[in-house]
Amino acid sequence: MLPPEYVIVTGSDELTTDVRDDLLARWPLDERLGRHLLDRWREPHRRYHTVDHLAAVLDTVDRYAPAASDPEAVRLAAWFHDAVYLPQRNDNEEASATLAAETLSQQGIAPQRLAEIRRLILLTRGHAAEPDDANGALLCDADLLILASPPDLYATYVMAVRKEYSHVPEPDFVAGRSDVLRGILQLPRIFLLMPAKCEDAARANLIAELDSY
C-alpha cells in the first residue's frame, strides 16, 4: 500500500464523457484500474501533469511504437509515470513506480515486463536514456516533447508548471526550475527518436526560459 500522503483527492469537475471514454478505450487492463488512474491524473492541484499530458504522451508512444522493443511496456509506463504527482515531494517517480508495481502485479503482468515498466518510470526522473535503450528513448521523448512546442504553447506550459508550484516562493522556484533546465540542456541529446527540428526547438525554448530569469 502507498503511504497516506499518496491517497488521491479528486477534483470536483468531471471529465467529459468523450475524453474519459477515449482514454479508457486506450487502457488495456481492468477498467476499474483505468478509472482509478484517470482520477489520479485529474487531481485538483495539477495544472500541467493532467489527463491532457497523459493523452499527449500516449499519442507520441503510439506514433513511434515500432521503434520500441516492448511498446506495451512503454504504454503502461506512460499511464503510470506521473500517476503520483505531489509538487511538495521529490520522490514522485519512485512512488509512481511503486504504484505501478503493486497494481500491475495484480493484473497478471509478467515479472520481466513489470521490472521494465518500473525501470522506465524511474528513467523519467532525469530523462537520460541511452541511445541503445529503445523503450527508454520512446518514453522520455514522449514525456519531453512539450519542450519542442512553438514559443506561445511553451509559455503556456511554463505557466502551468508554475501554478503547480504556487506554494514555492519565486526565488526558490527560479533556482529549482533553472537547475532542471540546465540538467536537460546538458543531455547529449534531449530527443533520441524525434526529428532534429524538435531538438533545435526544445533547446531554443529552454535557453530563452533560462534567459528570462
C-alpha atoms as a PDB file:
ATOM      1  CA  MET A   1       0.000   0.000   0.000  1.00  0.00           C
ATOM      2  CA  LEU A   2       1.105   3.561  -0.672  1.00  0.00           C
ATOM      3  CA  PRO A   3       1.601   5.889   2.304  1.00  0.00           C
ATOM      4  CA  PRO A   4      -1.453   8.004   3.280  1.00  0.00           C
ATOM      5  CA  GLU A   5       0.011  11.120   1.654  1.00  0.00           C
ATOM      6  CA  TYR A   6      -0.364   9.430  -1.740  1.00  0.00           C
ATOM      7  CA  VAL A   7      -4.128   8.992  -1.412  1.00  0.00           C
ATOM      8  CA  ILE A   8      -5.754  10.912  -4.237  1.00  0.00           C
ATOM      9  CA  VAL A   9      -8.158  13.792  -3.854  1.00  0.00           C
ATOM     10  CA  THR A  10     -10.304  14.012  -6.965  1.00  0.00           C
ATOM     11  CA  GLY A  11     -11.319  17.381  -8.336  1.00  0.00           C
ATOM     12  CA  SER A  12     -14.961  18.432  -8.376  1.00  0.00           C
ATOM     13  CA  ASP A  13     -15.032  18.811 -12.167  1.00  0.00           C
ATOM     14  CA  GLU A  14     -15.833  15.659 -14.126  1.00  0.00           C
ATOM     15  CA  LEU A  15     -14.033  14.528 -17.216  1.00  0.00           C
ATOM     16  CA  THR A  16     -16.249  14.880 -20.247  1.00  0.00           C
ATOM     17  CA  THR A  17     -17.671  11.583 -21.419  1.00  0.00           C
ATOM     18  CA  ASP A  18     -15.761  11.758 -24.714  1.00  0.00           C
ATOM     19  CA  VAL A  19     -12.383  12.355 -23.051  1.00  0.00           C
ATOM     20  CA  ARG A  20     -12.987   9.691 -20.427  1.00  0.00           C
ATOM     21  CA  ASP A  21     -14.176   7.111 -22.927  1.00  0.00           C
ATOM     22  CA  ASP A  22     -11.311   7.845 -25.327  1.00  0.00           C
ATOM     23  CA  LEU A  23      -8.682   7.345 -22.645  1.00  0.00           C
ATOM     24  CA  LEU A  24     -10.396   4.307 -21.154  1.00  0.00           C
ATOM     25  CA  ALA A  25     -10.529   2.767 -24.621  1.00  0.00           C
ATOM     26  CA  ARG A  26      -6.751   3.038 -24.694  1.00  0.00           C
ATOM     27  CA  TRP A  27      -6.339   1.371 -21.280  1.00  0.00           C
ATOM     28  CA  PRO A  28      -5.546  -2.331 -21.894  1.00  0.00           C
ATOM     29  CA  LEU A  29      -6.347  -3.825 -18.484  1.00  0.00           C
ATOM     30  CA  ASP A  30      -9.123  -3.821 -15.875  1.00  0.00           C
ATOM     31  CA  GLU A  31     -11.430  -0.827 -16.418  1.00  0.00           C
ATOM     32  CA  ARG A  32     -11.649  -0.077 -12.700  1.00  0.00           C
ATOM     33  CA  LEU A  33      -7.902   0.410 -12.550  1.00  0.00           C
ATOM     34  CA  GLY A  34      -8.058   2.634 -15.615  1.00  0.00           C
ATOM     35  CA  ARG A  35     -10.711   4.796 -13.963  1.00  0.00           C
ATOM     36  CA  HIS A  36      -8.620   4.974 -10.807  1.00  0.00           C
ATOM     37  CA  LEU A  37      -5.628   6.176 -12.808  1.00  0.00           C
ATOM     38  CA  LEU A  38      -7.721   8.822 -14.547  1.00  0.00           C
ATOM     39  CA  ASP A  39      -8.859  10.045 -11.119  1.00  0.00           C
ATOM     40  CA  ARG A  40      -5.223  10.456 -10.193  1.00  0.00           C
ATOM     41  CA  TRP A  41      -4.427  12.362 -13.372  1.00  0.00           C
ATOM     42  CA  ARG A  42      -7.235  14.844 -12.649  1.00  0.00           C
ATOM     43  CA  GLU A  43      -6.297  15.764  -9.077  1.00  0.00           C
ATOM     44  CA  PRO A  44      -7.108  19.439  -8.432  1.00  0.00           C
ATOM     45  CA  HIS A  45      -3.515  20.545  -7.786  1.00  0.00           C
ATOM     46  CA  ARG A  46      -2.400  19.509 -11.269  1.00  0.00           C
ATOM     47  CA  ARG A  47      -2.111  22.191 -13.939  1.00  0.00           C
ATOM     48  CA  TYR A  48       0.267  20.631 -16.451  1.00  0.00           C
ATOM     49  CA  HIS A  49       0.556  16.985 -15.365  1.00  0.00           C
ATOM     50  CA  THR A  50      -3.079  16.347 -16.269  1.00  0.00           C
ATOM     51  CA  VAL A  51      -5.059  13.992 -18.488  1.00  0.00           C
ATOM     52  CA  ASP A  52      -4.051  16.224 -21.416  1.00  0.00           C
ATOM     53  CA  HIS A  53      -0.391  15.429 -20.758  1.00  0.00           C
ATOM     54  CA  LEU A  54      -1.236  11.738 -20.421  1.00  0.00           C
ATOM     55  CA  ALA A  55      -3.081  11.779 -23.747  1.00  0.00           C
ATOM     56  CA  ALA A  56      -0.213  13.626 -25.458  1.00  0.00           C
ATOM     57  CA  VAL A  57       2.361  11.127 -24.178  1.00  0.00           C
ATOM     58  CA  LEU A  58       0.206   8.191 -25.279  1.00  0.00           C
ATOM     59  CA  ASP A  59      -0.237   9.762 -28.722  1.00  0.00           C
ATOM     60  CA  THR A  60       3.532  10.011 -29.168  1.00  0.00           C
ATOM     61  CA  VAL A  61       4.108   6.495 -27.857  1.00  0.00           C
ATOM     62  CA  ASP A  62       1.553   5.134 -30.316  1.00  0.00           C
ATOM     63  CA  ARG A  63       3.064   7.092 -33.220  1.00  0.00           C
ATOM     64  CA  TYR A  64       6.594   5.854 -32.599  1.00  0.00           C
ATOM     65  CA  ALA A  65       5.701   2.424 -31.157  1.00  0.00           C
ATOM     66  CA  PRO A  66       7.587   0.481 -33.870  1.00  0.00           C
ATOM     67  CA  ALA A  67      10.834   1.955 -32.539  1.00  0.00           C
ATOM     68  CA  ALA A  68      10.379   0.251 -29.152  1.00  0.00           C
ATOM     69  CA  SER A  69      11.294  -3.297 -28.270  1.00  0.00           C
ATOM     70  CA  ASP A  70       8.283  -3.589 -25.944  1.00  0.00           C
ATOM     71  CA  PRO A  71       5.676  -0.943 -26.878  1.00  0.00           C
ATOM     72  CA  GLU A  72       3.151  -2.310 -24.401  1.00  0.00           C
ATOM     73  CA  ALA A  73       5.566  -1.849 -21.515  1.00  0.00           C
ATOM     74  CA  VAL A  74       6.154   1.733 -22.677  1.00  0.00           C
ATOM     75  CA  ARG A  75       2.385   2.374 -22.856  1.00  0.00           C
ATOM     76  CA  LEU A  76       1.830   1.068 -19.348  1.00  0.00           C
ATOM     77  CA  ALA A  77       4.785   3.085 -18.067  1.00  0.00           C
ATOM     78  CA  ALA A  78       3.254   6.160 -19.718  1.00  0.00           C
ATOM     79  CA  TRP A  79      -0.021   5.621 -17.869  1.00  0.00           C
ATOM     80  CA  PHE A  80       1.799   5.390 -14.549  1.00  0.00           C
ATOM     81  CA  HIS A  81       4.769   7.742 -14.980  1.00  0.00           C
ATOM     82  CA  ASP A  82       3.081  10.690 -13.222  1.00  0.00           C
ATOM     83  CA  ALA A  83       0.261   8.785 -11.553  1.00  0.00           C
ATOM     84  CA  VAL A  84       1.673  10.037  -8.257  1.00  0.00           C
ATOM     85  CA  TYR A  85       2.379  13.728  -8.579  1.00  0.00           C
ATOM     86  CA  LEU A  86       2.732  15.894  -5.498  1.00  0.00           C
ATOM     87  CA  PRO A  87       4.809  19.050  -6.123  1.00  0.00           C
ATOM     88  CA  GLN A  88       5.764  19.209  -2.451  1.00  0.00           C
ATOM     89  CA  ARG A  89       7.709  15.957  -2.743  1.00  0.00           C
ATOM     90  CA  ASN A  90      10.806  14.917  -4.674  1.00  0.00           C
ATOM     91  CA  ASP A  91      10.104  11.209  -4.952  1.00  0.00           C
ATOM     92  CA  ASN A  92       7.111  11.166  -7.296  1.00  0.00           C
ATOM     93  CA  GLU A  93       8.782   8.893  -9.836  1.00  0.00           C
ATOM     94  CA  GLU A  94       9.669   6.390  -7.139  1.00  0.00           C
ATOM     95  CA  ALA A  95       6.124   6.488  -5.755  1.00  0.00           C
ATOM     96  CA  SER A  96       4.648   6.126  -9.249  1.00  0.00           C
ATOM     97  CA  ALA A  97       6.896   3.133  -9.909  1.00  0.00           C
ATOM     98  CA  THR A  98       5.777   1.597  -6.621  1.00  0.00           C
ATOM     99  CA  LEU A  99       2.136   2.144  -7.531  1.00  0.00           C
ATOM    100  CA  ALA A 100       2.705   0.513 -10.908  1.00  0.00           C
ATOM    101  CA  ALA A 101       4.463  -2.479  -9.376  1.00  0.00           C
ATOM    102  CA  GLU A 102       1.784  -3.009  -6.737  1.00  0.00           C
ATOM    103  CA  THR A 103      -1.211  -2.687  -9.026  1.00  0.00           C
ATOM    104  CA  LEU A 104       0.114  -4.291 -12.202  1.00  0.00           C
ATOM    105  CA  SER A 105       1.366  -7.336 -10.323  1.00  0.00           C
ATOM    106  CA  GLN A 106      -2.304  -7.990  -9.568  1.00  0.00           C
ATOM    107  CA  GLN A 107      -3.159  -7.706 -13.264  1.00  0.00           C
ATOM    108  CA  GLY A 108      -1.111 -10.678 -14.347  1.00  0.00           C
ATOM    109  CA  ILE A 109       1.771  -8.696 -15.823  1.00  0.00           C
ATOM    110  CA  ALA A 110       4.832 -10.902 -16.226  1.00  0.00           C
ATOM    111  CA  PRO A 111       7.649 -10.121 -13.773  1.00  0.00           C
ATOM    112  CA  GLN A 112      10.121  -9.278 -16.563  1.00  0.00           C
ATOM    113  CA  ARG A 113       7.755  -6.745 -18.122  1.00  0.00           C
ATOM    114  CA  LEU A 114       6.849  -5.405 -14.691  1.00  0.00           C
ATOM    115  CA  ALA A 115      10.524  -4.754 -13.982  1.00  0.00           C
ATOM    116  CA  GLU A 116      10.840  -2.968 -17.316  1.00  0.00           C
ATOM    117  CA  ILE A 117       7.832  -0.749 -16.566  1.00  0.00           C
ATOM    118  CA  ARG A 118       9.302   0.180 -13.222  1.00  0.00           C
ATOM    119  CA  ARG A 119      12.672   0.956 -14.841  1.00  0.00           C
ATOM    120  CA  LEU A 120      11.048   3.161 -17.441  1.00  0.00           C
ATOM    121  CA  ILE A 121       9.079   5.166 -14.894  1.00  0.00           C
ATOM    122  CA  LEU A 122      12.218   5.795 -12.852  1.00  0.00           C
ATOM    123  CA  LEU A 123      14.028   6.864 -16.029  1.00  0.00           C
ATOM    124  CA  THR A 124      11.665   9.848 -16.352  1.00  0.00           C
ATOM    125  CA  ARG A 125      13.310  11.405 -13.309  1.00  0.00           C
ATOM    126  CA  GLY A 126      16.299  12.569 -15.374  1.00  0.00           C
ATOM    127  CA  HIS A 127      15.298  11.516 -18.902  1.00  0.00           C
ATOM    128  CA  ALA A 128      18.847  10.305 -19.601  1.00  0.00           C
ATOM    129  CA  ALA A 129      18.024   7.346 -21.829  1.00  0.00           C
ATOM    130  CA  GLU A 130      20.922   5.626 -23.550  1.00  0.00           C
ATOM    131  CA  PRO A 131      20.969   5.576 -27.375  1.00  0.00           C
ATOM    132  CA  ASP A 132      20.511   1.791 -27.408  1.00  0.00           C
ATOM    133  CA  ASP A 133      17.580   1.921 -24.965  1.00  0.00           C
ATOM    134  CA  ALA A 134      14.664   1.918 -27.417  1.00  0.00           C
ATOM    135  CA  ASN A 135      11.951   1.702 -24.760  1.00  0.00           C
ATOM    136  CA  GLY A 136      13.506   4.392 -22.605  1.00  0.00           C
ATOM    137  CA  ALA A 137      14.087   6.668 -25.583  1.00  0.00           C
ATOM    138  CA  LEU A 138      10.429   6.440 -26.577  1.00  0.00           C
ATOM    139  CA  LEU A 139       9.040   7.218 -23.130  1.00  0.00           C
ATOM    140  CA  CYS A 140      11.498  10.024 -22.421  1.00  0.00           C
ATOM    141  CA  ASP A 141      10.971  11.603 -25.832  1.00  0.00           C
ATOM    142  CA  ALA A 142       7.199  11.444 -25.397  1.00  0.00           C
ATOM    143  CA  ASP A 143       7.386  12.949 -21.924  1.00  0.00           C
ATOM    144  CA  LEU A 144       9.607  15.841 -23.045  1.00  0.00           C
ATOM    145  CA  LEU A 145       8.048  16.595 -26.420  1.00  0.00           C
ATOM    146  CA  ILE A 146       6.241  19.641 -24.969  1.00  0.00           C
ATOM    147  CA  LEU A 147       9.669  21.303 -24.826  1.00  0.00           C
ATOM    148  CA  ALA A 148       9.711  21.464 -28.623  1.00  0.00           C
ATOM    149  CA  SER A 149       6.410  23.340 -28.808  1.00  0.00           C
ATOM    150  CA  PRO A 150       6.003  26.727 -30.535  1.00  0.00           C
ATOM    151  CA  PRO A 151       7.024  29.539 -28.143  1.00  0.00           C
ATOM    152  CA  ASP A 152       3.451  30.536 -27.245  1.00  0.00           C
ATOM    153  CA  LEU A 153       2.485  26.983 -26.318  1.00  0.00           C
ATOM    154  CA  TYR A 154       5.770  26.557 -24.459  1.00  0.00           C
ATOM    155  CA  ALA A 155       4.977  29.701 -22.430  1.00  0.00           C
ATOM    156  CA  THR A 156       1.573  28.231 -21.537  1.00  0.00           C
ATOM    157  CA  TYR A 157       3.301  25.049 -20.370  1.00  0.00           C
ATOM    158  CA  VAL A 158       5.718  27.028 -18.176  1.00  0.00           C
ATOM    159  CA  MET A 159       2.845  28.962 -16.600  1.00  0.00           C
ATOM    160  CA  ALA A 160       1.033  25.702 -15.839  1.00  0.00           C
ATOM    161  CA  VAL A 161       4.134  24.287 -14.157  1.00  0.00           C
ATOM    162  CA  ARG A 162       4.484  27.486 -12.119  1.00  0.00           C
ATOM    163  CA  LYS A 163       0.877  27.124 -10.919  1.00  0.00           C
ATOM    164  CA  GLU A 164       1.613  23.595  -9.768  1.00  0.00           C
ATOM    165  CA  TYR A 165       4.411  25.075  -7.667  1.00  0.00           C
ATOM    166  CA  SER A 166       2.440  28.096  -6.466  1.00  0.00           C
ATOM    167  CA  HIS A 167       3.374  27.182  -2.899  1.00  0.00           C
ATOM    168  CA  VAL A 168       7.062  27.822  -3.697  1.00  0.00           C
ATOM    169  CA  PRO A 169       8.393  31.409  -3.364  1.00  0.00           C
ATOM    170  CA  GLU A 170       9.532  32.915  -6.661  1.00  0.00           C
ATOM    171  CA  PRO A 171      13.290  32.930  -5.895  1.00  0.00           C
ATOM    172  CA  ASP A 172      13.195  29.276  -4.892  1.00  0.00           C
ATOM    173  CA  PHE A 173      11.121  28.337  -7.924  1.00  0.00           C
ATOM    174  CA  VAL A 174      13.513  30.125 -10.274  1.00  0.00           C
ATOM    175  CA  ALA A 175      16.509  28.398  -8.706  1.00  0.00           C
ATOM    176  CA  GLY A 176      14.924  24.954  -8.870  1.00  0.00           C
ATOM    177  CA  ARG A 177      13.490  25.413 -12.335  1.00  0.00           C
ATOM    178  CA  SER A 178      16.825  26.704 -13.625  1.00  0.00           C
ATOM    179  CA  ASP A 179      18.562  23.592 -12.308  1.00  0.00           C
ATOM    180  CA  VAL A 180      16.040  21.420 -14.152  1.00  0.00           C
ATOM    181  CA  LEU A 181      16.507  23.329 -17.397  1.00  0.00           C
ATOM    182  CA  ARG A 182      20.296  23.174 -17.184  1.00  0.00           C
ATOM    183  CA  GLY A 183      20.120  19.461 -16.498  1.00  0.00           C
ATOM    184  CA  ILE A 184      18.107  18.882 -19.657  1.00  0.00           C
ATOM    185  CA  LEU A 185      20.374  21.131 -21.721  1.00  0.00           C
ATOM    186  CA  GLN A 186      23.390  19.139 -20.535  1.00  0.00           C
ATOM    187  CA  LEU A 187      21.995  15.942 -22.050  1.00  0.00           C
ATOM    188  CA  PRO A 188      23.972  14.973 -25.165  1.00  0.00           C
ATOM    189  CA  ARG A 189      20.617  14.800 -26.925  1.00  0.00           C
ATOM    190  CA  ILE A 190      17.222  15.703 -25.499  1.00  0.00           C
ATOM    191  CA  PHE A 191      15.428  13.527 -28.051  1.00  0.00           C
ATOM    192  CA  LEU A 192      16.647  10.223 -29.419  1.00  0.00           C
ATOM    193  CA  LEU A 193      13.752   9.455 -31.771  1.00  0.00           C
ATOM    194  CA  MET A 194      12.237  12.813 -32.670  1.00  0.00           C
ATOM    195  CA  PRO A 195      13.278  14.793 -35.791  1.00  0.00           C
ATOM    196  CA  ALA A 196      16.245  17.160 -35.480  1.00  0.00           C
ATOM    197  CA  LYS A 197      13.913  20.168 -35.636  1.00  0.00           C
ATOM    198  CA  CYS A 198      12.449  19.083 -32.278  1.00  0.00           C
ATOM    199  CA  GLU A 199      15.902  19.097 -30.691  1.00  0.00           C
ATOM    200  CA  ASP A 200      16.590  22.593 -32.022  1.00  0.00           C
ATOM    201  CA  ALA A 201      13.207  23.959 -30.932  1.00  0.00           C
ATOM    202  CA  ALA A 202      13.494  22.470 -27.441  1.00  0.00           C
ATOM    203  CA  ARG A 203      16.965  23.865 -26.838  1.00  0.00           C
ATOM    204  CA  ALA A 204      15.868  27.297 -28.075  1.00  0.00           C
ATOM    205  CA  ASN A 205      12.875  27.262 -25.703  1.00  0.00           C
ATOM    206  CA  LEU A 206      14.937  26.132 -22.727  1.00  0.00           C
ATOM    207  CA  ILE A 207      17.620  28.750 -23.304  1.00  0.00           C
ATOM    208  CA  ALA A 208      15.008  31.501 -23.744  1.00  0.00           C
ATOM    209  CA  GLU A 209      13.337  30.491 -20.486  1.00  0.00           C
ATOM    210  CA  LEU A 210      16.663  30.463 -18.639  1.00  0.00           C
ATOM    211  CA  ASP A 211      17.465  33.914 -20.018  1.00  0.00           C
ATOM    212  CA  SER A 212      14.121  35.212 -18.748  1.00  0.00           C
ATOM    213  CA  TYR A 213      15.024  34.533 -15.096  1.00  0.00           C
END
